[in-house]
Amino acid sequence: MKKIKELLKSPHIQISIATGISILAIAYFSKYVLLKPIGYLPTAIPPFFMVIYEAVLTKYKGHKITTTWYWITAVLLSTAIVIVLHAI
């Protein structure tokens, strides 16, 4: 149990979990809630933020821009925006 808690403190794991949740949310809304499925490009936006985060973390380790919660918020917010804009 201690190892799991240590793993969950890793920024890589946190951003991966947020991205996974966003992909599952987009898939659920696309399949069961929305009338028309969401395309491939809008579905790739939240994982794209994760890739940008990994690149920024590698280059600017220790800077304020690499705060994990900023990027998790960006991933989840982009998920909500993709779903809402597709519903309109």
N, C-alpha and C. Protein backbone atom coordinates (compact mmCIF):
# COMPACT_ATOMS: atom_id res chain seq x y z
N MET A 1 0.83 -1.20 0.00
CA MET A 1 0.00 0.00 0.00
C MET A 1 0.87 1.26 0.00
N LYS A 2 2.01 1.17 0.67
CA LYS A 2 2.90 2.32 0.75
C LYS A 2 3.46 2.66 -0.64
N LYS A 3 3.78 1.62 -1.43
CA LYS A 3 4.30 1.85 -2.77
C LYS A 3 3.26 2.51 -3.67
N ILE A 4 2.00 2.12 -3.50
CA ILE A 4 0.94 2.72 -4.30
C ILE A 4 0.81 4.20 -3.98
N LYS A 5 0.88 4.55 -2.71
CA LYS A 5 0.79 5.96 -2.32
C LYS A 5 1.97 6.75 -2.88
N GLU A 6 3.15 6.15 -2.88
CA GLU A 6 4.32 6.83 -3.45
C GLU A 6 4.16 7.01 -4.95
N LEU A 7 3.62 6.00 -5.62
CA LEU A 7 3.40 6.11 -7.05
C LEU A 7 2.39 7.21 -7.39
N LEU A 8 1.35 7.32 -6.59
CA LEU A 8 0.31 8.32 -6.86
C LEU A 8 0.81 9.75 -6.64
N LYS A 9 1.92 9.92 -5.95
CA LYS A 9 2.50 11.25 -5.77
C LYS A 9 3.32 11.70 -6.97
N SER A 10 3.61 10.78 -7.87
CA SER A 10 4.40 11.11 -9.05
C SER A 10 3.59 11.97 -10.01
N PRO A 11 4.17 13.06 -10.51
CA PRO A 11 3.42 13.90 -11.46
C PRO A 11 3.10 13.17 -12.76
N HIS A 12 3.94 12.24 -13.17
CA HIS A 12 3.67 11.48 -14.39
C HIS A 12 2.42 10.62 -14.23
N ILE A 13 2.28 10.00 -13.08
CA ILE A 13 1.11 9.16 -12.81
C ILE A 13 -0.15 10.02 -12.70
N GLN A 14 -0.05 11.15 -12.04
CA GLN A 14 -1.22 12.02 -11.86
C GLN A 14 -1.74 12.53 -13.19
N ILE A 15 -0.85 12.99 -14.06
CA ILE A 15 -1.30 13.51 -15.36
C ILE A 15 -1.83 12.36 -16.23
N SER A 16 -1.26 11.17 -16.08
CA SER A 16 -1.74 10.02 -16.85
C SER A 16 -3.13 9.60 -16.41
N ILE A 17 -3.38 9.63 -15.11
CA ILE A 17 -4.71 9.29 -14.60
C ILE A 17 -5.74 10.31 -15.08
N ALA A 18 -5.41 11.58 -15.02
CA ALA A 18 -6.33 12.62 -15.49
C ALA A 18 -6.62 12.47 -16.98
N THR A 19 -5.60 12.15 -17.76
CA THR A 19 -5.79 11.96 -19.19
C THR A 19 -6.64 10.72 -19.47
N GLY A 20 -6.40 9.67 -18.73
CA GLY A 20 -7.21 8.45 -18.89
C GLY A 20 -8.68 8.70 -18.57
N ILE A 21 -8.93 9.43 -17.49
CA ILE A 21 -10.30 9.78 -17.12
C ILE A 21 -10.95 10.63 -18.21
N SER A 22 -10.18 11.56 -18.77
CA SER A 22 -10.75 12.41 -19.82
C SER A 22 -11.07 11.62 -21.08
N ILE A 23 -10.21 10.68 -21.44
CA ILE A 23 -10.48 9.84 -22.61
C ILE A 23 -11.73 8.99 -22.39
N LEU A 24 -11.85 8.43 -21.19
CA LEU A 24 -13.05 7.63 -20.88
C LEU A 24 -14.31 8.50 -20.90
N ALA A 25 -14.22 9.73 -20.39
CA ALA A 25 -15.37 10.63 -20.39
C ALA A 25 -15.78 10.99 -21.81
N ILE A 26 -14.80 11.31 -22.64
CA ILE A 26 -15.11 11.64 -24.04
C ILE A 26 -15.73 10.43 -24.74
N ALA A 27 -15.19 9.25 -24.51
CA ALA A 27 -15.73 8.05 -25.15
C ALA A 27 -17.16 7.78 -24.69
N TYR A 28 -17.42 7.94 -23.40
CA TYR A 28 -18.77 7.71 -22.88
C TYR A 28 -19.76 8.70 -23.48
N PHE A 29 -19.42 9.99 -23.44
CA PHE A 29 -20.33 11.00 -23.97
C PHE A 29 -20.51 10.82 -25.48
N SER A 30 -19.46 10.47 -26.17
CA SER A 30 -19.54 10.29 -27.61
C SER A 30 -20.44 9.10 -27.97
N LYS A 31 -20.38 8.05 -27.19
CA LYS A 31 -21.13 6.84 -27.50
C LYS A 31 -22.57 6.89 -27.01
N TYR A 32 -22.80 7.39 -25.78
CA TYR A 32 -24.12 7.24 -25.16
C TYR A 32 -24.92 8.53 -24.98
N VAL A 33 -24.27 9.67 -24.95
CA VAL A 33 -25.01 10.89 -24.63
C VAL A 33 -25.25 11.76 -25.86
N LEU A 34 -24.20 12.00 -26.63
CA LEU A 34 -24.33 12.90 -27.77
C LEU A 34 -24.98 12.19 -28.95
N LEU A 35 -25.63 12.97 -29.79
CA LEU A 35 -26.31 12.40 -30.95
C LEU A 35 -25.33 11.94 -32.02
N LYS A 36 -24.25 12.69 -32.20
CA LYS A 36 -23.26 12.39 -33.22
C LYS A 36 -21.92 12.12 -32.52
N PRO A 37 -21.19 11.08 -32.91
CA PRO A 37 -19.91 10.78 -32.25
C PRO A 37 -18.88 11.90 -32.45
N ILE A 38 -18.03 12.04 -31.47
CA ILE A 38 -16.95 13.03 -31.54
C ILE A 38 -15.86 12.47 -32.45
N GLY A 39 -15.30 13.32 -33.30
CA GLY A 39 -14.27 12.89 -34.25
C GLY A 39 -12.93 12.60 -33.59
N TYR A 40 -11.99 12.17 -34.41
CA TYR A 40 -10.69 11.78 -33.90
C TYR A 40 -9.86 12.97 -33.42
N LEU A 41 -9.88 14.06 -34.15
CA LEU A 41 -9.06 15.21 -33.78
C LEU A 41 -9.48 15.83 -32.45
N PRO A 42 -10.76 16.10 -32.21
CA PRO A 42 -11.12 16.63 -30.89
C PRO A 42 -10.83 15.66 -29.75
N THR A 43 -10.90 14.37 -30.03
CA THR A 43 -10.61 13.38 -29.01
C THR A 43 -9.14 13.39 -28.62
N ALA A 44 -8.27 13.85 -29.51
CA ALA A 44 -6.83 13.85 -29.25
C ALA A 44 -6.35 15.09 -28.51
N ILE A 45 -7.22 16.06 -28.27
CA ILE A 45 -6.79 17.30 -27.61
C ILE A 45 -6.33 17.07 -26.17
N PRO A 46 -7.08 16.39 -25.29
CA PRO A 46 -6.58 16.18 -23.92
C PRO A 46 -5.26 15.40 -23.84
N PRO A 47 -5.07 14.31 -24.61
CA PRO A 47 -3.75 13.67 -24.57
C PRO A 47 -2.63 14.55 -25.10
N PHE A 48 -2.98 15.47 -26.00
CA PHE A 48 -1.97 16.40 -26.51
C PHE A 48 -1.45 17.29 -25.39
N PHE A 49 -2.32 17.71 -24.47
CA PHE A 49 -1.87 18.49 -23.32
C PHE A 49 -0.93 17.67 -22.44
N MET A 50 -1.17 16.39 -22.33
CA MET A 50 -0.28 15.53 -21.55
C MET A 50 1.10 15.46 -22.20
N VAL A 51 1.15 15.35 -23.51
CA VAL A 51 2.43 15.29 -24.22
C VAL A 51 3.18 16.62 -24.05
N ILE A 52 2.46 17.72 -24.14
CA ILE A 52 3.09 19.03 -23.93
C ILE A 52 3.64 19.13 -22.52
N TYR A 53 2.87 18.65 -21.54
CA TYR A 53 3.33 18.67 -20.15
C TYR A 53 4.62 17.88 -19.97
N GLU A 54 4.69 16.71 -20.56
CA GLU A 54 5.89 15.88 -20.43
C GLU A 54 7.10 16.58 -21.04
N ALA A 55 6.91 17.26 -22.17
CA ALA A 55 8.01 17.98 -22.80
C ALA A 55 8.44 19.17 -21.95
N VAL A 56 7.47 19.90 -21.41
CA VAL A 56 7.78 21.05 -20.57
C VAL A 56 8.46 20.60 -19.28
N LEU A 57 7.99 19.51 -18.70
CA LEU A 57 8.58 18.99 -17.46
C LEU A 57 10.04 18.58 -17.67
N THR A 58 10.32 18.01 -18.83
CA THR A 58 11.70 17.62 -19.12
C THR A 58 12.61 18.83 -19.23
N LYS A 59 12.13 19.89 -19.86
CA LYS A 59 12.97 21.05 -20.12
C LYS A 59 13.03 22.01 -18.94
N TYR A 60 11.92 22.23 -18.24
CA TYR A 60 11.85 23.25 -17.19
C TYR A 60 11.56 22.65 -15.82
N LYS A 61 12.22 21.59 -15.47
CA LYS A 61 11.98 20.93 -14.19
C LYS A 61 12.24 21.91 -13.04
N GLY A 62 11.25 22.02 -12.13
CA GLY A 62 11.38 22.90 -10.98
C GLY A 62 10.78 24.28 -11.17
N HIS A 63 10.36 24.63 -12.35
CA HIS A 63 9.73 25.92 -12.59
C HIS A 63 8.24 25.85 -12.27
N LYS A 64 7.65 27.03 -12.15
CA LYS A 64 6.22 27.10 -11.82
C LYS A 64 5.35 26.55 -12.94
N ILE A 65 5.81 26.62 -14.17
CA ILE A 65 5.04 26.14 -15.31
C ILE A 65 4.83 24.62 -15.26
N THR A 66 5.66 23.93 -14.50
CA THR A 66 5.54 22.47 -14.42
C THR A 66 4.67 22.01 -13.26
N THR A 67 3.93 22.92 -12.65
CA THR A 67 3.00 22.54 -11.59
C THR A 67 1.96 21.58 -12.16
N THR A 68 1.86 20.42 -11.57
CA THR A 68 1.02 19.36 -12.11
C THR A 68 -0.45 19.75 -12.17
N TRP A 69 -0.92 20.45 -11.16
CA TRP A 69 -2.35 20.78 -11.12
C TRP A 69 -2.76 21.73 -12.23
N TYR A 70 -1.86 22.57 -12.72
CA TYR A 70 -2.20 23.42 -13.87
C TYR A 70 -2.52 22.54 -15.08
N TRP A 71 -1.70 21.55 -15.30
CA TRP A 71 -1.85 20.70 -16.48
C TRP A 71 -3.01 19.73 -16.35
N ILE A 72 -3.26 19.24 -15.15
CA ILE A 72 -4.42 18.38 -14.93
C ILE A 72 -5.70 19.17 -15.19
N THR A 73 -5.72 20.41 -14.71
CA THR A 73 -6.86 21.28 -14.96
C THR A 73 -7.03 21.54 -16.46
N ALA A 74 -5.92 21.74 -17.17
CA ALA A 74 -5.99 21.95 -18.61
C ALA A 74 -6.54 20.73 -19.33
N VAL A 75 -6.13 19.54 -18.92
CA VAL A 75 -6.63 18.31 -19.53
C VAL A 75 -8.13 18.15 -19.29
N LEU A 76 -8.56 18.32 -18.05
CA LEU A 76 -9.98 18.14 -17.73
C LEU A 76 -10.84 19.26 -18.32
N LEU A 77 -10.33 20.47 -18.33
CA LEU A 77 -11.06 21.59 -18.93
C LEU A 77 -11.19 21.41 -20.44
N SER A 78 -10.13 20.95 -21.08
CA SER A 78 -10.22 20.71 -22.53
C SER A 78 -11.21 19.59 -22.84
N THR A 79 -11.29 18.62 -21.95
CA THR A 79 -12.29 17.54 -22.12
C THR A 79 -13.70 18.12 -22.07
N ALA A 80 -13.94 18.95 -21.07
CA ALA A 80 -15.27 19.57 -20.93
C ALA A 80 -15.59 20.45 -22.14
N ILE A 81 -14.61 21.19 -22.62
CA ILE A 81 -14.83 22.08 -23.77
C ILE A 81 -15.14 21.25 -25.02
N VAL A 82 -14.41 20.18 -25.24
CA VAL A 82 -14.65 19.32 -26.40
C VAL A 82 -16.07 18.75 -26.35
N ILE A 83 -16.49 18.30 -25.20
CA ILE A 83 -17.84 17.71 -25.07
C ILE A 83 -18.91 18.76 -25.27
N VAL A 84 -18.74 19.91 -24.63
CA VAL A 84 -19.77 20.97 -24.72
C VAL A 84 -19.84 21.52 -26.15
N LEU A 85 -18.71 21.78 -26.77
CA LEU A 85 -18.74 22.33 -28.13
C LEU A 85 -19.29 21.33 -29.13
N HIS A 86 -19.10 20.07 -28.87
CA HIS A 86 -19.67 19.08 -29.78
C HIS A 86 -21.17 18.91 -29.57
N ALA A 87 -21.64 19.19 -28.36
CA ALA A 87 -23.06 19.07 -28.07
C ALA A 87 -23.86 20.21 -28.67
N ILE A 88 -23.21 21.32 -28.92
CA ILE A 88 -23.92 22.50 -29.47
C ILE A 88 -24.20 22.33 -30.94
